[in-house]
PDB file of N, CA and C in Angstrom:
ATOM      1  N   MET A   1      12.988-130.512  96.805  1.00  0.00           N
ATOM      2  CA  MET A   1      13.492-131.178  95.624  1.00  0.00           C
ATOM      3  C   MET A   1      14.239-130.173  94.754  1.00  0.00           C
ATOM      4  N   LYS A   2      15.311-130.640  94.172  1.00  0.00           N
ATOM      5  CA  LYS A   2      16.093-129.818  93.252  1.00  0.00           C
ATOM      6  C   LYS A   2      16.269-130.621  91.973  1.00  0.00           C
ATOM      7  N   THR A   3      16.147-129.953  90.820  1.00  0.00           N
ATOM      8  CA  THR A   3      16.324-130.610  89.529  1.00  0.00           C
ATOM      9  C   THR A   3      17.463-129.930  88.779  1.00  0.00           C
ATOM     10  N   VAL A   4      18.380-130.756  88.248  1.00  0.00           N
ATOM     11  CA  VAL A   4      19.496-130.262  87.452  1.00  0.00           C
ATOM     12  C   VAL A   4      19.623-131.135  86.208  1.00  0.00           C
ATOM     13  N   GLN A   5      20.331-130.629  85.216  1.00  0.00           N
ATOM     14  CA  GLN A   5      20.615-131.384  83.998  1.00  0.00           C
ATOM     15  C   GLN A   5      22.024-131.946  84.095  1.00  0.00           C
ATOM     16  N   ILE A   6      22.172-133.243  83.804  1.00  0.00           N
ATOM     17  CA  ILE A   6      23.495-133.844  83.835  1.00  0.00           C
ATOM     18  C   ILE A   6      23.770-134.556  82.518  1.00  0.00           C
ATOM     19  N   SER A   7      25.037-134.748  82.262  1.00  0.00           N
ATOM     20  CA  SER A   7      25.488-135.394  81.041  1.00  0.00           C
ATOM     21  C   SER A   7      26.361-136.588  81.412  1.00  0.00           C
ATOM     22  N   LEU A   8      25.991-137.757  80.923  1.00  0.00           N
ATOM     23  CA  LEU A   8      26.730-138.992  81.188  1.00  0.00           C
ATOM     24  C   LEU A   8      27.011-139.651  79.836  1.00  0.00           C
ATOM     25  N   GLU A   9      28.122-139.288  79.216  1.00  0.00           N
ATOM     26  CA  GLU A   9      28.376-139.711  77.842  1.00  0.00           C
ATOM     27  C   GLU A   9      29.173-140.999  77.688  1.00  0.00           C
ATOM     28  N   SER A  10      29.518-141.651  78.796  1.00  0.00           N
ATOM     29  CA  SER A  10      30.266-142.904  78.677  1.00  0.00           C
ATOM     30  C   SER A  10      29.910-143.848  79.829  1.00  0.00           C
ATOM     31  N   ILE A  11      30.235-145.119  79.646  1.00  0.00           N
ATOM     32  CA  ILE A  11      29.994-146.121  80.685  1.00  0.00           C
ATOM     33  C   ILE A  11      30.760-145.763  81.950  1.00  0.00           C
ATOM     34  N   ASP A  12      31.990-145.325  81.794  1.00  0.00           N
ATOM     35  CA  ASP A  12      32.799-144.942  82.955  1.00  0.00           C
ATOM     36  C   ASP A  12      32.170-143.795  83.729  1.00  0.00           C
ATOM     37  N   LYS A  13      31.602-142.819  83.002  1.00  0.00           N
ATOM     38  CA  LYS A  13      30.953-141.682  83.668  1.00  0.00           C
ATOM     39  C   LYS A  13      29.729-142.142  84.463  1.00  0.00           C
ATOM     40  N   VAL A  14      28.953-143.059  83.898  1.00  0.00           N
ATOM     41  CA  VAL A  14      27.777-143.578  84.601  1.00  0.00           C
ATOM     42  C   VAL A  14      28.211-144.287  85.879  1.00  0.00           C
ATOM     43  N   ASN A  15      29.188-145.155  85.771  1.00  0.00           N
ATOM     44  CA  ASN A  15      29.667-145.896  86.945  1.00  0.00           C
ATOM     45  C   ASN A  15      30.215-144.961  88.016  1.00  0.00           C
ATOM     46  N   GLU A  16      30.967-143.962  87.623  1.00  0.00           N
ATOM     47  CA  GLU A  16      31.518-142.989  88.566  1.00  0.00           C
ATOM     48  C   GLU A  16      30.401-142.185  89.229  1.00  0.00           C
ATOM     49  N   PHE A  17      29.416-141.755  88.440  1.00  0.00           N
ATOM     50  CA  PHE A  17      28.290-140.992  88.967  1.00  0.00           C
ATOM     51  C   PHE A  17      27.540-141.793  90.035  1.00  0.00           C
ATOM     52  N   VAL A  18      27.211-143.048  89.739  1.00  0.00           N
ATOM     53  CA  VAL A  18      26.491-143.894  90.694  1.00  0.00           C
ATOM     54  C   VAL A  18      27.328-144.102  91.957  1.00  0.00           C
ATOM     55  N   ARG A  19      28.629-144.314  91.797  1.00  0.00           N
ATOM     56  CA  ARG A  19      29.515-144.496  92.957  1.00  0.00           C
ATOM     57  C   ARG A  19      29.504-143.255  93.850  1.00  0.00           C
ATOM     58  N   ILE A  20      29.450-142.083  93.253  1.00  0.00           N
ATOM     59  CA  ILE A  20      29.485-140.824  94.018  1.00  0.00           C
ATOM     60  C   ILE A  20      28.174-140.575  94.761  1.00  0.00           C
ATOM     61  N   ILE A  21      27.029-140.812  94.127  1.00  0.00           N
ATOM     62  CA  ILE A  21      25.758-140.458  94.779  1.00  0.00           C
ATOM     63  C   ILE A  21      25.221-141.531  95.726  1.00  0.00           C
ATOM     64  N   THR A  22      25.674-142.760  95.588  1.00  0.00           N
ATOM     65  CA  THR A  22      25.132-143.852  96.412  1.00  0.00           C
ATOM     66  C   THR A  22      25.242-143.597  97.925  1.00  0.00           C
ATOM     67  N   PRO A  23      26.342-143.051  98.447  1.00  0.00           N
ATOM     68  CA  PRO A  23      26.419-142.837  99.909  1.00  0.00           C
ATOM     69  C   PRO A  23      25.465-141.776 100.461  1.00  0.00           C
ATOM     70  N   PHE A  24      24.957-140.894  99.612  1.00  0.00           N
ATOM     71  CA  PHE A  24      24.075-139.836 100.107  1.00  0.00           C
ATOM     72  C   PHE A  24      22.729-140.431 100.519  1.00  0.00           C
ATOM     73  N   PRO A  25      22.141-139.929 101.610  1.00  0.00           N
ATOM     74  CA  PRO A  25      20.893-140.494 102.129  1.00  0.00           C
ATOM     75  C   PRO A  25      19.645-140.010 101.395  1.00  0.00           C
ATOM     76  N   TYR A  26      19.808-139.359 100.266  1.00  0.00           N
ATOM     77  CA  TYR A  26      18.673-138.815  99.523  1.00  0.00           C
ATOM     78  C   TYR A  26      18.245-139.771  98.417  1.00  0.00           C
ATOM     79  N   ASP A  27      17.015-139.573  97.942  1.00  0.00           N
ATOM     80  CA  ASP A  27      16.547-140.283  96.761  1.00  0.00           C
ATOM     81  C   ASP A  27      16.909-139.449  95.541  1.00  0.00           C
ATOM     82  N   PHE A  28      17.332-140.127  94.486  1.00  0.00           N
ATOM     83  CA  PHE A  28      17.705-139.480  93.232  1.00  0.00           C
ATOM     84  C   PHE A  28      16.954-140.180  92.104  1.00  0.00           C
ATOM     85  N   ASP A  29      16.279-139.418  91.256  1.00  0.00           N
ATOM     86  CA  ASP A  29      15.627-139.967  90.067  1.00  0.00           C
ATOM     87  C   ASP A  29      16.200-139.287  88.835  1.00  0.00           C
ATOM     88  N   MET A  30      16.298-140.053  87.754  1.00  0.00           N
ATOM     89  CA  MET A  30      16.715-139.501  86.462  1.00  0.00           C
ATOM     90  C   MET A  30      15.543-139.596  85.512  1.00  0.00           C
ATOM     91  N   ARG A  31      15.374-138.545  84.715  1.00  0.00           N
ATOM     92  CA  ARG A  31      14.282-138.510  83.746  1.00  0.00           C
ATOM     93  C   ARG A  31      14.821-138.207  82.361  1.00  0.00           C
ATOM     94  N   SER A  32      14.321-138.974  81.402  1.00  0.00           N
ATOM     95  CA  SER A  32      14.624-138.728  79.992  1.00  0.00           C
ATOM     96  C   SER A  32      13.342-139.012  79.229  1.00  0.00           C
ATOM     97  N   GLY A  33      12.762-137.964  78.645  1.00  0.00           N
ATOM     98  CA  GLY A  33      11.465-138.139  77.995  1.00  0.00           C
ATOM     99  C   GLY A  33      10.422-138.502  79.022  1.00  0.00           C
ATOM    100  N   ARG A  34       9.698-139.580  78.787  1.00  0.00           N
ATOM    101  CA  ARG A  34       8.648-139.994  79.728  1.00  0.00           C
ATOM    102  C   ARG A  34       9.113-141.072  80.686  1.00  0.00           C
ATOM    103  N   TYR A  35      10.394-141.405  80.656  1.00  0.00           N
ATOM    104  CA  TYR A  35      10.937-142.458  81.514  1.00  0.00           C
ATOM    105  C   TYR A  35      11.624-141.878  82.741  1.00  0.00           C
ATOM    106  N   THR A  36      11.389-142.488  83.891  1.00  0.00           N
ATOM    107  CA  THR A  36      12.022-142.103  85.146  1.00  0.00           C
ATOM    108  C   THR A  36      12.620-143.352  85.771  1.00  0.00           C
ATOM    109  N   VAL A  37      13.889-143.252  86.205  1.00  0.00           N
ATOM    110  CA  VAL A  37      14.564-144.386  86.836  1.00  0.00           C
ATOM    111  C   VAL A  37      15.281-143.920  88.100  1.00  0.00           C
ATOM    112  N   ASP A  38      15.604-144.876  88.947  1.00  0.00           N
ATOM    113  CA  ASP A  38      16.397-144.621  90.154  1.00  0.00           C
ATOM    114  C   ASP A  38      17.821-144.303  89.710  1.00  0.00           C
ATOM    115  N   ALA A  39      18.319-143.132  90.069  1.00  0.00           N
ATOM    116  CA  ALA A  39      19.654-142.703  89.630  1.00  0.00           C
ATOM    117  C   ALA A  39      20.774-143.462  90.333  1.00  0.00           C
ATOM    118  N   LYS A  40      20.452-144.254  91.343  1.00  0.00           N
ATOM    119  CA  LYS A  40      21.476-145.062  92.006  1.00  0.00           C
ATOM    120  C   LYS A  40      21.575-146.450  91.367  1.00  0.00           C
ATOM    121  N   SER A  41      20.890-146.651  90.261  1.00  0.00           N
ATOM    122  CA  SER A  41      20.867-147.938  89.570  1.00  0.00           C
ATOM    123  C   SER A  41      21.567-147.824  88.212  1.00  0.00           C
ATOM    124  N   ASN A  42      22.704-148.483  88.076  1.00  0.00           N
ATOM    125  CA  ASN A  42      23.413-148.474  86.791  1.00  0.00           C
ATOM    126  C   ASN A  42      22.502-148.984  85.678  1.00  0.00           C
ATOM    127  N   LEU A  43      21.836-150.102  85.927  1.00  0.00           N
ATOM    128  CA  LEU A  43      20.981-150.702  84.918  1.00  0.00           C
ATOM    129  C   LEU A  43      19.867-149.747  84.507  1.00  0.00           C
ATOM    130  N   GLY A  44      19.266-149.080  85.475  1.00  0.00           N
ATOM    131  CA  GLY A  44      18.219-148.113  85.169  1.00  0.00           C
ATOM    132  C   GLY A  44      18.729-146.973  84.312  1.00  0.00           C
ATOM    133  N   ILE A  45      19.885-146.450  84.651  1.00  0.00           N
ATOM    134  CA  ILE A  45      20.460-145.335  83.887  1.00  0.00           C
ATOM    135  C   ILE A  45      20.735-145.753  82.450  1.00  0.00           C
ATOM    136  N   PHE A  46      21.257-146.970  82.260  1.00  0.00           N
ATOM    137  CA  PHE A  46      21.571-147.425  80.909  1.00  0.00           C
ATOM    138  C   PHE A  46      20.325-147.634  80.060  1.00  0.00           C
ATOM    139  N   SER A  47      19.138-147.660  80.674  1.00  0.00           N
ATOM    140  CA  SER A  47      17.902-147.792  79.908  1.00  0.00           C
ATOM    141  C   SER A  47      17.438-146.449  79.338  1.00  0.00           C
ATOM    142  N   LEU A  48      18.096-145.357  79.732  1.00  0.00           N
ATOM    143  CA  LEU A  48      17.732-144.021  79.249  1.00  0.00           C
ATOM    144  C   LEU A  48      18.531-143.649  78.010  1.00  0.00           C
ATOM    145  N   ASP A  49      18.039-142.640  77.299  1.00  0.00           N
ATOM    146  CA  ASP A  49      18.759-142.088  76.156  1.00  0.00           C
ATOM    147  C   ASP A  49      19.816-141.130  76.697  1.00  0.00           C
ATOM    148  N   LEU A  50      21.067-141.566  76.712  1.00  0.00           N
ATOM    149  CA  LEU A  50      22.159-140.752  77.270  1.00  0.00           C
ATOM    150  C   LEU A  50      22.900-139.955  76.207  1.00  0.00           C
ATOM    151  N   SER A  51      22.352-139.893  75.007  1.00  0.00           N
ATOM    152  CA  SER A  51      22.998-139.127  73.945  1.00  0.00           C
ATOM    153  C   SER A  51      22.816-137.617  74.142  1.00  0.00           C
ATOM    154  N   ARG A  52      21.969-137.253  75.077  1.00  0.00           N
ATOM    155  CA  ARG A  52      21.755-135.838  75.419  1.00  0.00           C
ATOM    156  C   ARG A  52      21.605-135.743  76.931  1.00  0.00           C
ATOM    157  N   PRO A  53      21.687-134.552  77.496  1.00  0.00           N
ATOM    158  CA  PRO A  53      21.561-134.419  78.949  1.00  0.00           C
ATOM    159  C   PRO A  53      20.217-134.943  79.464  1.00  0.00           C
ATOM    160  N   VAL A  54      20.229-135.455  80.692  1.00  0.00           N
ATOM    161  CA  VAL A  54      19.019-135.956  81.349  1.00  0.00           C
ATOM    162  C   VAL A  54      18.772-135.146  82.612  1.00  0.00           C
ATOM    163  N   SER A  55      17.541-135.165  83.079  1.00  0.00           N
ATOM    164  CA  SER A  55      17.183-134.446  84.303  1.00  0.00           C
ATOM    165  C   SER A  55      17.463-135.331  85.512  1.00  0.00           C
ATOM    166  N   LEU A  56      18.041-134.728  86.527  1.00  0.00           N
ATOM    167  CA  LEU A  56      18.283-135.409  87.792  1.00  0.00           C
ATOM    168  C   LEU A  56      17.474-134.699  88.862  1.00  0.00           C
ATOM    169  N   ASP A  57      16.561-135.436  89.506  1.00  0.00           N
ATOM    170  CA  ASP A  57      15.768-134.906  90.606  1.00  0.00           C
ATOM    171  C   ASP A  57      16.392-135.384  91.911  1.00  0.00           C
ATOM    172  N   ILE A  58      16.714-134.447  92.786  1.00  0.00           N
ATOM    173  CA  ILE A  58      17.310-134.762  94.082  1.00  0.00           C
ATOM    174  C   ILE A  58      16.271-134.438  95.147  1.00  0.00           C
ATOM    175  N   TYR A  59      15.854-135.452  95.896  1.00  0.00           N
ATOM    176  CA  TYR A  59      14.845-135.287  96.929  1.00  0.00           C
ATOM    177  C   TYR A  59      15.537-135.184  98.276  1.00  0.00           C
ATOM    178  N   GLY A  60      15.820-133.947  98.669  1.00  0.00           N
ATOM    179  CA  GLY A  60      16.527-133.735  99.923  1.00  0.00           C
ATOM    180  C   GLY A  60      16.002-132.523 100.644  1.00  0.00           C
ATOM    181  N   GLU A  61      16.189-132.529 101.935  1.00  0.00           N
ATOM    182  CA  GLU A  61      15.787-131.417 102.783  1.00  0.00           C
ATOM    183  C   GLU A  61      17.000-130.545 103.071  1.00  0.00           C
ATOM    184  N   GLY A  62      16.797-129.260 103.184  1.00  0.00           N
ATOM    185  CA  GLY A  62      17.874-128.359 103.566  1.00  0.00           C
ATOM    186  C   GLY A  62      18.881-128.127 102.457  1.00  0.00           C
ATOM    187  N   SER A  63      20.096-127.874 102.855  1.00  0.00           N
ATOM    188  CA  SER A  63      21.160-127.531 101.917  1.00  0.00           C
ATOM    189  C   SER A  63      21.658-128.770 101.177  1.00  0.00           C
ATOM    190  N   LEU A  64      21.747-128.656  99.876  1.00  0.00           N
ATOM    191  CA  LEU A  64      22.247-129.741  99.044  1.00  0.00           C
ATOM    192  C   LEU A  64      23.623-129.403  98.474  1.00  0.00           C
ATOM    193  N   ASP A  65      24.332-128.482  99.143  1.00  0.00           N
ATOM    194  CA  ASP A  65      25.639-128.029  98.646  1.00  0.00           C
ATOM    195  C   ASP A  65      26.627-129.177  98.481  1.00  0.00           C
ATOM    196  N   GLU A  66      26.651-130.099  99.439  1.00  0.00           N
ATOM    197  CA  GLU A  66      27.603-131.209  99.360  1.00  0.00           C
ATOM    198  C   GLU A  66      27.312-132.094  98.143  1.00  0.00           C
ATOM    199  N   VAL A  67      26.041-132.350  97.898  1.00  0.00           N
ATOM    200  CA  VAL A  67      25.654-133.144  96.726  1.00  0.00           C
ATOM    201  C   VAL A  67      26.024-132.403  95.449  1.00  0.00           C
ATOM    202  N   MET A  68      25.713-131.118  95.392  1.00  0.00           N
ATOM    203  CA  MET A  68      25.985-130.335  94.187  1.00  0.00           C
ATOM    204  C   MET A  68      27.481-130.279  93.894  1.00  0.00           C
ATOM    205  N   ASN A  69      28.300-130.163  94.929  1.00  0.00           N
ATOM    206  CA  ASN A  69      29.757-130.172  94.727  1.00  0.00           C
ATOM    207  C   ASN A  69      30.225-131.522  94.199  1.00  0.00           C
ATOM    208  N   ALA A  70      29.648-132.607  94.721  1.00  0.00           N
ATOM    209  CA  ALA A  70      30.048-133.945  94.316  1.00  0.00           C
ATOM    210  C   ALA A  70      29.683-134.243  92.866  1.00  0.00           C
ATOM    211  N   ILE A  71      28.525-133.753  92.411  1.00  0.00           N
ATOM    212  CA  ILE A  71      28.098-134.043  91.049  1.00  0.00           C
ATOM    213  C   ILE A  71      28.476-132.950  90.056  1.00  0.00           C
ATOM    214  N   GLY A  72      29.203-131.955  90.509  1.00  0.00           N
ATOM    215  CA  GLY A  72      29.618-130.841  89.659  1.00  0.00           C
ATOM    216  C   GLY A  72      30.198-131.230  88.319  1.00  0.00           C
ATOM    217  N   PRO A  73      31.105-132.212  88.252  1.00  0.00           N
ATOM    218  CA  PRO A  73      31.696-132.578  86.957  1.00  0.00           C
ATOM    219  C   PRO A  73      30.692-133.165  85.952  1.00  0.00           C
ATOM    220  N   PHE A  74      29.520-133.569  86.415  1.00  0.00           N
ATOM    221  CA  PHE A  74      28.532-134.184  85.541  1.00  0.00           C
ATOM    222  C   PHE A  74      27.443-133.213  85.080  1.00  0.00           C
ATOM    223  N   LEU A  75      27.439-131.991  85.621  1.00  0.00           N
ATOM    224  CA  LEU A  75      26.408-131.020  85.266  1.00  0.00           C
ATOM    225  C   LEU A  75      26.542-130.620  83.805  1.00  0.00           C
ATOM    226  N   ALA A  76      25.410-130.595  83.102  1.00  0.00           N
ATOM    227  CA  ALA A  76      25.389-130.213  81.699  1.00  0.00           C
ATOM    228  C   ALA A  76      25.597-128.704  81.599  1.00  0.00           C
ATOM    229  N   GLU A  77      26.277-128.297  80.586  1.00  0.00           N
ATOM    230  CA  GLU A  77      26.568-126.861  80.394  1.00  0.00           C
ATOM    231  C   GLU A  77      25.446-126.161  79.683  1.00  0.00           C
TER     232      GLU A  77
END
């Protein structure tokens, strides 16, 4: 498992993020405070507080370089 911080400050960013990660065969969870949702679910993501970065847990085996490159524009600074 790998955890990163991502920032999704607009509806368009959320939709683009979900479109990018959906083809990957891994499970993705987003956490904000005590809430955890499926990161491949637009509705779930919109239930989180997106005014600040959220944690993204990626459950994958081996190298996650392809995933990390794909989500690079969403990584929080």
